[in-house]
Protein backbone atom coordinates (compact mmCIF):
# COMPACT_ATOMS: atom_id res chain seq x y z
CA MET A 1 116.94 96.92 27.25
CA ARG A 2 119.57 97.82 29.87
CA ARG A 3 118.28 98.68 33.34
CA TYR A 4 119.82 101.41 35.44
CA TYR A 5 119.18 102.15 39.08
CA ARG A 6 119.33 105.34 41.11
CA TYR A 7 118.55 105.39 44.82
CA GLY A 8 117.50 101.76 44.47
CA HIS A 9 114.77 102.47 41.92
CA PRO A 10 114.89 101.31 38.28
CA MET A 11 115.09 103.98 35.59
CA SER A 12 114.20 103.61 31.96
CA ASP A 13 117.03 103.15 29.45
CA GLY A 14 119.06 106.36 29.38
CA GLU A 15 117.00 108.26 31.98
CA GLY A 16 119.26 110.19 34.34
CA ARG A 17 122.43 108.62 32.95
CA ASP A 18 125.59 110.62 32.62
CA GLU A 19 126.33 111.78 29.12
CA LEU A 20 129.98 111.36 28.17
CA GLY A 21 131.57 113.59 25.57
CA ASP A 22 133.38 112.31 22.47
CA GLY A 23 136.48 110.41 23.50
CA ASP A 24 135.57 110.63 27.22
CA ASP A 25 135.32 107.11 28.58
CA GLY A 26 134.64 108.33 32.15
CA ALA A 27 137.95 107.10 33.56
CA PHE A 28 139.67 109.29 36.15
CA ARG A 29 142.05 109.17 39.09
CA LEU A 30 141.78 110.69 42.55
CA GLY A 31 144.69 110.59 44.94
CA ALA A 32 144.53 109.80 48.63
CA GLY A 33 142.34 112.37 50.36
CA GLU A 34 141.09 113.86 47.08
CA GLY A 35 137.37 114.26 46.37
CA ARG A 36 134.56 116.32 47.84
CA ARG A 37 135.07 116.52 51.60
CA ILE A 38 132.05 116.57 53.91
CA TRP A 39 131.78 116.64 57.69
CA ALA A 40 128.70 114.64 58.67
CA PHE A 41 127.69 112.55 61.69
CA GLY A 42 130.98 113.41 63.42
CA ASP A 43 133.11 112.00 60.59
CA LEU A 44 135.15 113.24 57.64
CA MET A 45 133.76 111.78 54.42
CA ILE A 46 135.65 112.11 51.14
CA LEU A 47 133.44 111.31 48.16
CA LYS A 48 135.33 109.38 45.49
CA LEU A 49 132.63 108.00 43.17
CA THR A 50 128.97 109.03 43.16
CA ALA A 51 125.63 108.15 41.60
CA GLU A 52 126.13 110.93 39.08
CA GLN A 53 129.38 109.36 37.87
CA THR A 54 128.14 105.74 37.83
CA SER A 55 124.55 106.06 36.62
CA GLY A 56 123.46 105.14 40.12
CA ARG A 57 125.35 101.86 40.32
CA VAL A 58 127.85 102.49 43.14
CA PHE A 59 129.00 105.10 45.65
CA VAL A 60 132.54 105.01 47.08
CA MET A 61 134.02 107.22 49.79
CA GLU A 62 136.93 107.41 52.19
CA GLN A 63 135.72 107.89 55.74
CA HIS A 64 137.72 109.00 58.77
CA VAL A 65 135.91 108.13 61.98
CA PRO A 66 137.24 109.45 65.33
CA ARG A 67 137.23 107.15 68.35
CA HIS A 68 133.67 106.68 69.59
CA ARG A 69 133.02 107.99 73.07
CA GLY A 70 129.34 107.02 72.94
CA ALA A 71 127.29 104.34 71.21
CA PRO A 72 127.16 104.72 67.41
CA GLY A 73 123.79 104.97 65.69
CA ARG A 74 122.25 101.67 64.55
CA HIS A 75 120.40 101.94 61.24
CA VAL A 76 119.20 99.90 58.29
CA HIS A 77 119.34 100.51 54.53
CA GLU A 78 116.39 99.19 52.53
CA VAL A 79 118.28 98.53 49.30
CA ASP A 80 121.92 99.52 49.85
CA ASP A 81 124.57 96.90 50.45
CA GLN A 82 127.61 98.37 52.21
CA SER A 83 131.18 97.14 52.42
CA TRP A 84 134.12 98.58 54.31
CA PHE A 85 137.83 98.09 53.62
CA VAL A 86 139.93 99.15 56.62
CA ILE A 87 142.80 101.32 55.40
CA ALA A 88 144.06 102.06 58.91
CA GLY A 89 142.86 101.75 62.49
CA HIS A 90 140.58 99.32 64.26
CA GLY A 91 136.84 99.08 64.75
CA ARG A 92 133.84 96.92 65.48
CA TRP A 93 130.88 96.36 63.18
CA PHE A 94 127.55 95.34 64.68
CA ILE A 95 125.70 93.69 61.78
CA GLY A 96 122.52 91.82 62.58
CA ASP A 97 123.38 89.61 65.56
CA GLN A 98 127.11 89.57 64.79
CA THR A 99 129.91 91.67 66.22
CA ILE A 100 132.83 91.75 63.78
CA GLU A 101 136.21 93.19 64.77
CA ALA A 102 138.36 94.49 61.94
CA GLY A 103 141.72 96.20 61.54
CA THR A 104 144.07 97.38 58.84
CA GLY A 105 143.63 95.35 55.64
CA ASP A 106 140.35 93.70 56.70
CA PHE A 107 137.13 93.78 54.68
CA VAL A 108 133.61 93.78 56.15
CA HIS A 109 130.31 93.43 54.27
CA GLY A 110 126.81 94.35 55.45
CA PRO A 111 123.85 93.38 53.26
CA HIS A 112 120.80 95.58 52.75
CA GLY A 113 117.89 95.07 55.10
CA VAL A 114 120.14 94.07 58.03
CA PRO A 115 120.53 96.61 60.87
CA HIS A 116 124.09 97.71 61.51
CA ALA A 117 126.41 100.20 63.20
CA PHE A 118 130.16 100.50 63.47
CA SER A 119 132.49 101.89 66.08
CA ALA A 120 135.97 103.39 65.82
CA ASP A 121 138.10 101.84 68.53
CA SER A 122 141.28 103.68 67.51
CA ASP A 123 141.86 107.44 67.33
CA ASP A 124 141.16 107.35 63.59
CA LEU A 125 139.37 104.53 61.82
CA HIS A 126 140.09 105.14 58.12
CA VAL A 127 137.89 103.05 55.83
CA LEU A 128 136.98 102.87 52.16
CA VAL A 129 133.19 102.50 52.03
CA ILE A 130 131.51 100.94 49.00
CA THR A 131 127.73 101.30 48.73
CA ALA A 132 125.58 99.77 45.99
CA PRO A 133 123.41 101.05 44.55
CA ALA A 134 124.54 104.66 44.86
CA GLY A 135 122.58 107.57 46.27
CA LEU A 136 123.38 107.53 49.98
CA GLU A 137 125.92 110.29 49.39
CA GLY A 138 122.94 112.61 48.90
CA LEU A 139 121.99 112.11 52.56
CA PHE A 140 125.51 112.97 53.73
CA ALA A 141 125.54 116.10 51.55
CA ALA A 142 122.10 117.14 52.83
CA VAL A 143 122.92 116.85 56.54
CA GLY A 144 126.65 117.64 56.46
CA VAL A 145 128.76 120.66 55.65
CA ASP A 146 131.69 121.00 53.30
CA ALA A 147 134.87 120.28 55.25
CA THR A 148 137.28 123.19 55.27
CA GLU A 149 140.19 120.99 56.42
CA PRO A 150 141.03 117.32 55.76
CA THR A 151 140.56 116.49 59.45
CA HIS A 152 137.91 115.15 61.78
CA PRO A 153 135.18 117.76 62.28
CA PRO A 154 135.82 120.47 64.87
CA ALA A 155 134.48 119.62 68.32
CA ASP A 156 132.10 122.60 68.23
CA LEU A 157 130.46 121.59 64.92
CA PRO A 158 126.81 120.87 65.74
CA GLU A 159 125.49 117.38 65.03
CA PRO A 160 122.76 117.28 62.37
CA THR A 161 119.23 117.16 63.73
CA GLU A 162 117.58 113.82 63.24
CA ASP A 163 115.23 113.94 60.26
CA PRO A 164 113.57 110.54 59.75
CA ASP A 165 111.76 111.75 56.62
CA LEU A 166 115.00 112.88 54.98
CA ALA A 167 116.74 109.61 55.91
CA GLN A 168 113.79 107.63 54.55
CA ARG A 169 114.09 109.44 51.20
CA TYR A 170 117.51 107.83 50.98
CA GLY A 171 116.24 104.40 52.06
CA THR A 172 117.67 104.61 55.58
CA THR A 173 115.91 104.14 58.92
CA ALA A 174 117.62 105.15 62.18
CA LEU A 175 117.14 102.64 65.00
CA GLY A 176 118.79 104.46 67.91
CA PRO A 177 122.09 103.79 69.69
CA GLU A 178 123.79 100.41 69.22
CA PRO A 179 122.79 98.46 72.37
CA ARG A 180 125.81 96.10 72.35
CA TRP A 181 128.43 98.87 72.21
CA THR A 182 130.87 99.34 75.09
CA PRO A 183 133.90 101.66 75.12
CA ARG A 184 137.13 100.05 74.02
CA THR A 185 140.66 101.27 73.59
CA VAL A 186 142.96 99.73 71.03
CA ARG A 187 146.57 100.72 71.46
CA ALA A 188 148.78 101.19 68.42
CA SER A 189 151.20 98.30 68.03
């Protein structure tokens, strides 16, 4: 029997899986910037691949993060592993006790169960985020709003109110501001 997972929980064979039509193997292409656009947590998130499309296996998004002017939120995912590929820009990842600096072309991995945060140290940190298993996109959709432009959110867009119960439904616990963060400016080279 094959096992499928959604939001980190096993499902019985076939339960909640996508049904593909005759001749539809599920393959598709999205160009740069294409996908559902959401403004959440001060960032532009572009959903590329979701739980619905992968039977809960993986979630992939592009994320544009404006330069942090305050400490980013530290949090932990119970079952989700997250990886980031830096498309452009520069940032710092605070994963467990490590501080990892990364720039264009670098790859960073954060395992589940380990507290983390990341900071944009350039005007736009553009990353491809890979989360397994899928489901976290539901949290972003629940707290965010559909982006009307492919830009960082407007300055007057209100931040979502903290809802620990909602975050917990998606296996995430907020731990407050990242204590090791300090402002940093990275100049374009």
